[in-house]
Amino acid sequence: MDTLVNSVNGSFTDLKAQTPENILVSHPIYKHYDELHYVHGLHNSLSASLDQSIWPELTGVTLVGDEKITFRSRGIFVVDDAFLSECNDFSDLGDAHNSSYTFFHLGSKLSGHSSIVHGGLLATLLDELTCILAFQNFPSKKGVTANLNINYFKPCMINSYVMVKCTSIKKSGRKCWVKGQIYKLDLDADIEGSVPEFVERKENLLSECECLVIEPRWVHELSDKK
């Protein structure tokens, strides 16, 4: 039998329904970006079926669990099919789409300073997720980090929800530059304006990076294992 607790309004709430995953995926913020992916996929079949090309052992397995990474969403891709099939160079997206969104709940065992998520973990998430997006712009769908520059603006507190947004900004031959941004999510606040305007505000920006990813000439030696 599931455990029930008495809520503030006198009704009973199923504790199992209050996991970080259920709280987030049922929230209008997550639903907006999930719907964005769905609508974009109606006219971009490759993007609609896009999946992460890697599932990192460190942040996908080792650091997952109670009070650690308690929830990690699938990658939500909004990428025009032309980028995926043609892999042409670009220097300005204009009205084109080449982005991804990933949501996390980060627990208390991920701290560096007291009550603050370790900056090294945030750097790892930015590195992994910018790379995953960059890979989609290469014919092999593989690559490696060549350079990663990060700016930290505000502390990321433990037991918080965040969204990592990645946007491809330039591609030249075997090189692809991607911007990564970590935004804090306040799931209790009233949403003012559109969801992107509410979430992707300067005051919510915790850290930002620019990652240079290359498709090495020895790319065939990289494993396909997820």
C-alpha atoms as a PDB file:
ATOM      1  CA  MET A   1       0.000   0.000   0.000  1.00  0.00           C
ATOM      2  CA  ASP A   2       1.324   3.465  -0.886  1.00  0.00           C
ATOM      3  CA  THR A   3       2.050   5.867   1.963  1.00  0.00           C
ATOM      4  CA  LEU A   4      -0.281   8.844   2.224  1.00  0.00           C
ATOM      5  CA  VAL A   5       0.291  12.112   4.058  1.00  0.00           C
ATOM      6  CA  ASN A   6      -2.112  14.851   5.057  1.00  0.00           C
ATOM      7  CA  SER A   7      -1.489  17.979   2.976  1.00  0.00           C
ATOM      8  CA  VAL A   8      -2.018  21.561   4.103  1.00  0.00           C
ATOM      9  CA  ASN A   9      -5.483  21.699   2.531  1.00  0.00           C
ATOM     10  CA  GLY A  10      -6.600  18.607   4.373  1.00  0.00           C
ATOM     11  CA  SER A  11      -6.475  16.239   1.413  1.00  0.00           C
ATOM     12  CA  PHE A  12      -4.199  13.239   1.142  1.00  0.00           C
ATOM     13  CA  THR A  13      -1.212  13.169  -1.187  1.00  0.00           C
ATOM     14  CA  ASP A  14       0.636  10.120  -2.456  1.00  0.00           C
ATOM     15  CA  LEU A  15       4.276  10.460  -1.392  1.00  0.00           C
ATOM     16  CA  LYS A  16       5.413   8.497  -4.442  1.00  0.00           C
ATOM     17  CA  ALA A  17       3.954  11.221  -6.650  1.00  0.00           C
ATOM     18  CA  GLN A  18       6.194  13.826  -5.004  1.00  0.00           C
ATOM     19  CA  THR A  19       9.505  12.612  -6.392  1.00  0.00           C
ATOM     20  CA  PRO A  20      11.711  15.261  -8.054  1.00  0.00           C
ATOM     21  CA  GLU A  21      10.965  13.650 -11.418  1.00  0.00           C
ATOM     22  CA  ASN A  22       7.189  13.784 -11.013  1.00  0.00           C
ATOM     23  CA  ILE A  23       7.290  17.306  -9.637  1.00  0.00           C
ATOM     24  CA  LEU A  24       9.314  18.562 -12.584  1.00  0.00           C
ATOM     25  CA  VAL A  25       7.764  16.721 -15.530  1.00  0.00           C
ATOM     26  CA  SER A  26       4.276  17.777 -14.437  1.00  0.00           C
ATOM     27  CA  HIS A  27       5.295  21.440 -14.169  1.00  0.00           C
ATOM     28  CA  PRO A  28       4.352  23.968 -16.906  1.00  0.00           C
ATOM     29  CA  ILE A  29       8.033  24.859 -17.440  1.00  0.00           C
ATOM     30  CA  TYR A  30       9.060  21.335 -18.377  1.00  0.00           C
ATOM     31  CA  LYS A  31       5.863  20.810 -20.359  1.00  0.00           C
ATOM     32  CA  HIS A  32       6.615  23.907 -22.439  1.00  0.00           C
ATOM     33  CA  TYR A  33      10.042  22.700 -23.585  1.00  0.00           C
ATOM     34  CA  ASP A  34       8.753  19.175 -24.145  1.00  0.00           C
ATOM     35  CA  GLU A  35       5.956  20.599 -26.301  1.00  0.00           C
ATOM     36  CA  LEU A  36       8.489  22.756 -28.150  1.00  0.00           C
ATOM     37  CA  HIS A  37      10.355  19.581 -29.106  1.00  0.00           C
ATOM     38  CA  TYR A  38       7.134  17.865 -30.159  1.00  0.00           C
ATOM     39  CA  VAL A  39       5.867  20.710 -32.357  1.00  0.00           C
ATOM     40  CA  HIS A  40       9.271  21.203 -33.973  1.00  0.00           C
ATOM     41  CA  GLY A  41       9.449  17.475 -34.649  1.00  0.00           C
ATOM     42  CA  LEU A  42       6.234  17.543 -36.663  1.00  0.00           C
ATOM     43  CA  HIS A  43       8.210  19.125 -39.502  1.00  0.00           C
ATOM     44  CA  ASN A  44      11.652  17.745 -38.609  1.00  0.00           C
ATOM     45  CA  SER A  45      11.481  13.960 -38.438  1.00  0.00           C
ATOM     46  CA  LEU A  46      15.194  13.482 -37.782  1.00  0.00           C
ATOM     47  CA  SER A  47      15.090  15.863 -34.847  1.00  0.00           C
ATOM     48  CA  ALA A  48      11.939  14.203 -33.509  1.00  0.00           C
ATOM     49  CA  SER A  49      13.754  10.875 -33.200  1.00  0.00           C
ATOM     50  CA  LEU A  50      17.048  12.343 -32.004  1.00  0.00           C
ATOM     51  CA  ASP A  51      18.531  10.703 -28.931  1.00  0.00           C
ATOM     52  CA  GLN A  52      21.651  11.399 -26.921  1.00  0.00           C
ATOM     53  CA  SER A  53      24.647   9.854 -28.647  1.00  0.00           C
ATOM     54  CA  ILE A  54      26.293   9.179 -25.281  1.00  0.00           C
ATOM     55  CA  TRP A  55      25.073   8.518 -21.753  1.00  0.00           C
ATOM     56  CA  PRO A  56      28.032   9.468 -19.538  1.00  0.00           C
ATOM     57  CA  GLU A  57      28.996   6.951 -16.881  1.00  0.00           C
ATOM     58  CA  LEU A  58      29.929   9.647 -14.344  1.00  0.00           C
ATOM     59  CA  THR A  59      26.807  11.815 -14.391  1.00  0.00           C
ATOM     60  CA  GLY A  60      24.479   9.196 -15.827  1.00  0.00           C
ATOM     61  CA  VAL A  61      25.315   6.381 -13.394  1.00  0.00           C
ATOM     62  CA  THR A  62      27.971   7.052 -10.718  1.00  0.00           C
ATOM     63  CA  LEU A  63      26.554  10.342  -9.433  1.00  0.00           C
ATOM     64  CA  VAL A  64      22.909   9.334  -9.777  1.00  0.00           C
ATOM     65  CA  GLY A  65      20.967   8.478  -6.620  1.00  0.00           C
ATOM     66  CA  ASP A  66      19.380   9.823  -3.462  1.00  0.00           C
ATOM     67  CA  GLU A  67      20.718  13.278  -2.566  1.00  0.00           C
ATOM     68  CA  LYS A  68      22.928  13.264  -5.670  1.00  0.00           C
ATOM     69  CA  ILE A  69      21.594  13.673  -9.206  1.00  0.00           C
ATOM     70  CA  THR A  70      18.102  12.618  -8.224  1.00  0.00           C
ATOM     71  CA  PHE A  71      16.645  13.394 -11.642  1.00  0.00           C
ATOM     72  CA  ARG A  72      18.105  13.868 -15.115  1.00  0.00           C
ATOM     73  CA  SER A  73      15.715  14.346 -18.009  1.00  0.00           C
ATOM     74  CA  ARG A  74      16.252  13.038 -21.493  1.00  0.00           C
ATOM     75  CA  GLY A  75      17.826  15.537 -23.843  1.00  0.00           C
ATOM     76  CA  ILE A  76      15.121  17.713 -25.398  1.00  0.00           C
ATOM     77  CA  PHE A  77      16.419  18.583 -28.873  1.00  0.00           C
ATOM     78  CA  VAL A  78      15.133  21.364 -31.112  1.00  0.00           C
ATOM     79  CA  VAL A  79      17.401  21.021 -34.141  1.00  0.00           C
ATOM     80  CA  ASP A  80      16.456  21.593 -37.768  1.00  0.00           C
ATOM     81  CA  ASP A  81      16.853  18.467 -39.891  1.00  0.00           C
ATOM     82  CA  ALA A  82      19.179  20.301 -42.297  1.00  0.00           C
ATOM     83  CA  PHE A  83      21.855  20.477 -39.603  1.00  0.00           C
ATOM     84  CA  LEU A  84      21.550  16.762 -38.925  1.00  0.00           C
ATOM     85  CA  SER A  85      21.589  15.575 -42.525  1.00  0.00           C
ATOM     86  CA  GLU A  86      23.769  18.086 -44.366  1.00  0.00           C
ATOM     87  CA  CYS A  87      26.265  19.030 -41.614  1.00  0.00           C
ATOM     88  CA  ASN A  88      27.144  22.260 -43.431  1.00  0.00           C
ATOM     89  CA  ASP A  89      29.189  25.075 -41.916  1.00  0.00           C
ATOM     90  CA  PHE A  90      27.370  28.056 -40.375  1.00  0.00           C
ATOM     91  CA  SER A  91      28.275  31.236 -38.522  1.00  0.00           C
ATOM     92  CA  ASP A  92      24.846  32.663 -37.723  1.00  0.00           C
ATOM     93  CA  LEU A  93      21.752  30.628 -36.917  1.00  0.00           C
ATOM     94  CA  GLY A  94      19.350  33.413 -37.840  1.00  0.00           C
ATOM     95  CA  ASP A  95      15.861  31.906 -37.578  1.00  0.00           C
ATOM     96  CA  ALA A  96      17.186  28.343 -37.623  1.00  0.00           C
ATOM     97  CA  HIS A  97      17.037  25.995 -34.620  1.00  0.00           C
ATOM     98  CA  ASN A  98      20.028  24.154 -33.147  1.00  0.00           C
ATOM     99  CA  SER A  99      19.472  23.831 -29.407  1.00  0.00           C
ATOM    100  CA  SER A 100      18.947  21.330 -26.613  1.00  0.00           C
ATOM    101  CA  TYR A 101      17.478  21.452 -23.113  1.00  0.00           C
ATOM    102  CA  THR A 102      18.168  19.113 -20.197  1.00  0.00           C
ATOM    103  CA  PHE A 103      16.649  19.290 -16.716  1.00  0.00           C
ATOM    104  CA  PHE A 104      18.170  18.185 -13.408  1.00  0.00           C
ATOM    105  CA  HIS A 105      17.450  17.989  -9.714  1.00  0.00           C
ATOM    106  CA  LEU A 106      20.735  18.306  -7.797  1.00  0.00           C
ATOM    107  CA  GLY A 107      20.824  16.958  -4.236  1.00  0.00           C
ATOM    108  CA  SER A 108      22.713  17.699  -1.035  1.00  0.00           C
ATOM    109  CA  LYS A 109      25.597  15.264  -1.603  1.00  0.00           C
ATOM    110  CA  LEU A 110      26.865  17.260  -4.595  1.00  0.00           C
ATOM    111  CA  SER A 111      28.124  20.225  -2.576  1.00  0.00           C
ATOM    112  CA  GLY A 112      31.563  21.790  -2.581  1.00  0.00           C
ATOM    113  CA  HIS A 113      31.115  24.753  -0.269  1.00  0.00           C
ATOM    114  CA  SER A 114      28.363  24.213   2.268  1.00  0.00           C
ATOM    115  CA  SER A 115      24.933  24.096   0.596  1.00  0.00           C
ATOM    116  CA  ILE A 116      26.412  24.980  -2.827  1.00  0.00           C
ATOM    117  CA  VAL A 117      26.690  22.517  -5.707  1.00  0.00           C
ATOM    118  CA  HIS A 118      30.339  21.892  -6.606  1.00  0.00           C
ATOM    119  CA  GLY A 119      31.432  24.042  -9.537  1.00  0.00           C
ATOM    120  CA  GLY A 120      33.283  21.091 -11.006  1.00  0.00           C
ATOM    121  CA  LEU A 121      30.017  19.198 -11.383  1.00  0.00           C
ATOM    122  CA  LEU A 122      28.444  22.133 -13.199  1.00  0.00           C
ATOM    123  CA  ALA A 123      31.485  22.277 -15.489  1.00  0.00           C
ATOM    124  CA  THR A 124      31.108  18.572 -16.226  1.00  0.00           C
ATOM    125  CA  LEU A 125      27.431  18.956 -17.091  1.00  0.00           C
ATOM    126  CA  LEU A 126      28.199  21.888 -19.382  1.00  0.00           C
ATOM    127  CA  ASP A 127      31.009  19.981 -21.074  1.00  0.00           C
ATOM    128  CA  GLU A 128      28.922  16.857 -21.640  1.00  0.00           C
ATOM    129  CA  LEU A 129      25.787  18.565 -22.881  1.00  0.00           C
ATOM    130  CA  THR A 130      27.452  21.085 -25.192  1.00  0.00           C
ATOM    131  CA  CYS A 131      29.398  18.200 -26.706  1.00  0.00           C
ATOM    132  CA  ILE A 132      26.280  16.095 -27.229  1.00  0.00           C
ATOM    133  CA  LEU A 133      24.697  18.935 -29.212  1.00  0.00           C
ATOM    134  CA  ALA A 134      27.877  19.630 -31.176  1.00  0.00           C
ATOM    135  CA  PHE A 135      28.146  15.963 -32.168  1.00  0.00           C
ATOM    136  CA  GLN A 136      24.847  16.228 -34.048  1.00  0.00           C
ATOM    137  CA  ASN A 137      26.470  18.721 -36.434  1.00  0.00           C
ATOM    138  CA  PHE A 138      29.225  16.291 -37.493  1.00  0.00           C
ATOM    139  CA  PRO A 139      28.790  13.499 -40.070  1.00  0.00           C
ATOM    140  CA  SER A 140      30.128  10.915 -37.602  1.00  0.00           C
ATOM    141  CA  LYS A 141      27.970  12.255 -34.723  1.00  0.00           C
ATOM    142  CA  LYS A 142      31.093  12.050 -32.544  1.00  0.00           C
ATOM    143  CA  GLY A 143      33.777  14.417 -31.290  1.00  0.00           C
ATOM    144  CA  VAL A 144      35.891  15.579 -28.362  1.00  0.00           C
ATOM    145  CA  THR A 145      36.278  18.765 -26.327  1.00  0.00           C
ATOM    146  CA  ALA A 146      39.134  21.000 -27.462  1.00  0.00           C
ATOM    147  CA  ASN A 147      38.464  24.016 -25.234  1.00  0.00           C
ATOM    148  CA  LEU A 148      35.958  24.924 -22.525  1.00  0.00           C
ATOM    149  CA  ASN A 149      35.618  28.412 -21.037  1.00  0.00           C
ATOM    150  CA  ILE A 150      33.202  28.867 -18.126  1.00  0.00           C
ATOM    151  CA  ASN A 151      31.908  31.889 -16.242  1.00  0.00           C
ATOM    152  CA  TYR A 152      30.176  31.392 -12.889  1.00  0.00           C
ATOM    153  CA  PHE A 153      27.720  34.158 -12.036  1.00  0.00           C
ATOM    154  CA  LYS A 154      25.757  32.893  -9.038  1.00  0.00           C
ATOM    155  CA  PRO A 155      25.993  29.861  -6.746  1.00  0.00           C
ATOM    156  CA  CYS A 156      23.889  26.840  -7.604  1.00  0.00           C
ATOM    157  CA  MET A 157      22.275  25.730  -4.365  1.00  0.00           C
ATOM    158  CA  ILE A 158      21.815  22.089  -3.387  1.00  0.00           C
ATOM    159  CA  ASN A 159      18.353  20.513  -3.566  1.00  0.00           C
ATOM    160  CA  SER A 160      17.490  22.686  -6.543  1.00  0.00           C
ATOM    161  CA  TYR A 161      16.156  22.249 -10.060  1.00  0.00           C
ATOM    162  CA  VAL A 162      18.135  23.565 -13.014  1.00  0.00           C
ATOM    163  CA  MET A 163      17.859  23.648 -16.796  1.00  0.00           C
ATOM    164  CA  VAL A 164      20.918  23.382 -19.033  1.00  0.00           C
ATOM    165  CA  LYS A 165      20.362  25.069 -22.389  1.00  0.00           C
ATOM    166  CA  CYS A 166      22.852  24.481 -25.198  1.00  0.00           C
ATOM    167  CA  THR A 167      22.944  26.358 -28.500  1.00  0.00           C
ATOM    168  CA  SER A 168      25.241  25.753 -31.455  1.00  0.00           C
ATOM    169  CA  ILE A 169      26.679  29.106 -32.512  1.00  0.00           C
ATOM    170  CA  LYS A 170      29.204  28.287 -35.245  1.00  0.00           C
ATOM    171  CA  LYS A 171      30.573  25.399 -37.286  1.00  0.00           C
ATOM    172  CA  SER A 172      33.631  25.384 -39.510  1.00  0.00           C
ATOM    173  CA  GLY A 173      34.817  22.086 -40.932  1.00  0.00           C
ATOM    174  CA  ARG A 174      35.701  19.768 -38.075  1.00  0.00           C
ATOM    175  CA  LYS A 175      35.098  22.455 -35.435  1.00  0.00           C
ATOM    176  CA  CYS A 176      31.831  23.377 -33.739  1.00  0.00           C
ATOM    177  CA  TRP A 177      31.285  26.028 -31.069  1.00  0.00           C
ATOM    178  CA  VAL A 178      28.414  25.635 -28.614  1.00  0.00           C
ATOM    179  CA  LYS A 179      27.161  27.939 -25.853  1.00  0.00           C
ATOM    180  CA  GLY A 180      25.944  26.302 -22.662  1.00  0.00           C
ATOM    181  CA  GLN A 181      23.872  27.997 -19.959  1.00  0.00           C
ATOM    182  CA  ILE A 182      22.650  26.754 -16.588  1.00  0.00           C
ATOM    183  CA  TYR A 183      19.462  28.381 -15.313  1.00  0.00           C
ATOM    184  CA  LYS A 184      17.916  27.908 -11.891  1.00  0.00           C
ATOM    185  CA  LEU A 185      14.246  26.950 -11.854  1.00  0.00           C
ATOM    186  CA  ASP A 186      11.806  28.301  -9.302  1.00  0.00           C
ATOM    187  CA  LEU A 187       8.905  25.889  -9.571  1.00  0.00           C
ATOM    188  CA  ASP A 188       6.887  27.703  -6.898  1.00  0.00           C
ATOM    189  CA  ALA A 189       6.892  31.130  -8.544  1.00  0.00           C
ATOM    190  CA  ASP A 190       4.077  32.442 -10.712  1.00  0.00           C
ATOM    191  CA  ILE A 191       5.130  32.434 -14.364  1.00  0.00           C
ATOM    192  CA  GLU A 192       5.077  35.948 -15.794  1.00  0.00           C
ATOM    193  CA  GLY A 193       5.116  36.318 -19.571  1.00  0.00           C
ATOM    194  CA  SER A 194       6.170  33.402 -21.752  1.00  0.00           C
ATOM    195  CA  VAL A 195       7.970  30.430 -20.230  1.00  0.00           C
ATOM    196  CA  PRO A 196      11.302  31.163 -22.008  1.00  0.00           C
ATOM    197  CA  GLU A 197      11.141  34.804 -20.915  1.00  0.00           C
ATOM    198  CA  PHE A 198      10.465  33.697 -17.350  1.00  0.00           C
ATOM    199  CA  VAL A 199      13.117  30.958 -17.197  1.00  0.00           C
ATOM    200  CA  GLU A 200      15.895  32.360 -19.376  1.00  0.00           C
ATOM    201  CA  ARG A 201      16.246  35.658 -17.528  1.00  0.00           C
ATOM    202  CA  LYS A 202      19.601  37.106 -16.536  1.00  0.00           C
ATOM    203  CA  GLU A 203      18.769  36.792 -12.845  1.00  0.00           C
ATOM    204  CA  ASN A 204      18.291  33.027 -13.263  1.00  0.00           C
ATOM    205  CA  LEU A 205      21.591  32.473 -15.093  1.00  0.00           C
ATOM    206  CA  LEU A 206      23.982  30.606 -12.788  1.00  0.00           C
ATOM    207  CA  SER A 207      26.824  29.804 -15.172  1.00  0.00           C
ATOM    208  CA  GLU A 208      27.648  29.978 -18.855  1.00  0.00           C
ATOM    209  CA  CYS A 209      30.255  28.448 -21.115  1.00  0.00           C
ATOM    210  CA  GLU A 210      31.525  28.339 -24.660  1.00  0.00           C
ATOM    211  CA  CYS A 211      32.798  24.953 -25.746  1.00  0.00           C
ATOM    212  CA  LEU A 212      34.886  24.202 -28.825  1.00  0.00           C
ATOM    213  CA  VAL A 213      34.274  20.647 -29.986  1.00  0.00           C
ATOM    214  CA  ILE A 214      36.229  18.983 -32.777  1.00  0.00           C
ATOM    215  CA  GLU A 215      35.647  15.913 -34.891  1.00  0.00           C
ATOM    216  CA  PRO A 216      39.180  14.436 -34.835  1.00  0.00           C
ATOM    217  CA  ARG A 217      40.640  12.662 -37.825  1.00  0.00           C
ATOM    218  CA  TRP A 218      40.832   9.557 -35.628  1.00  0.00           C
ATOM    219  CA  VAL A 219      37.102   9.813 -34.853  1.00  0.00           C
ATOM    220  CA  HIS A 220      36.567   6.202 -35.983  1.00  0.00           C
ATOM    221  CA  GLU A 221      38.445   5.104 -32.846  1.00  0.00           C
ATOM    222  CA  LEU A 222      35.783   6.585 -30.552  1.00  0.00           C
ATOM    223  CA  SER A 223      33.373   4.028 -29.135  1.00  0.00           C
ATOM    224  CA  ASP A 224      29.676   3.984 -30.012  1.00  0.00           C
ATOM    225  CA  LYS A 225      28.838   2.628 -26.540  1.00  0.00           C
ATOM    226  CA  LYS A 226      26.363   4.733 -24.603  1.00  0.00           C
END
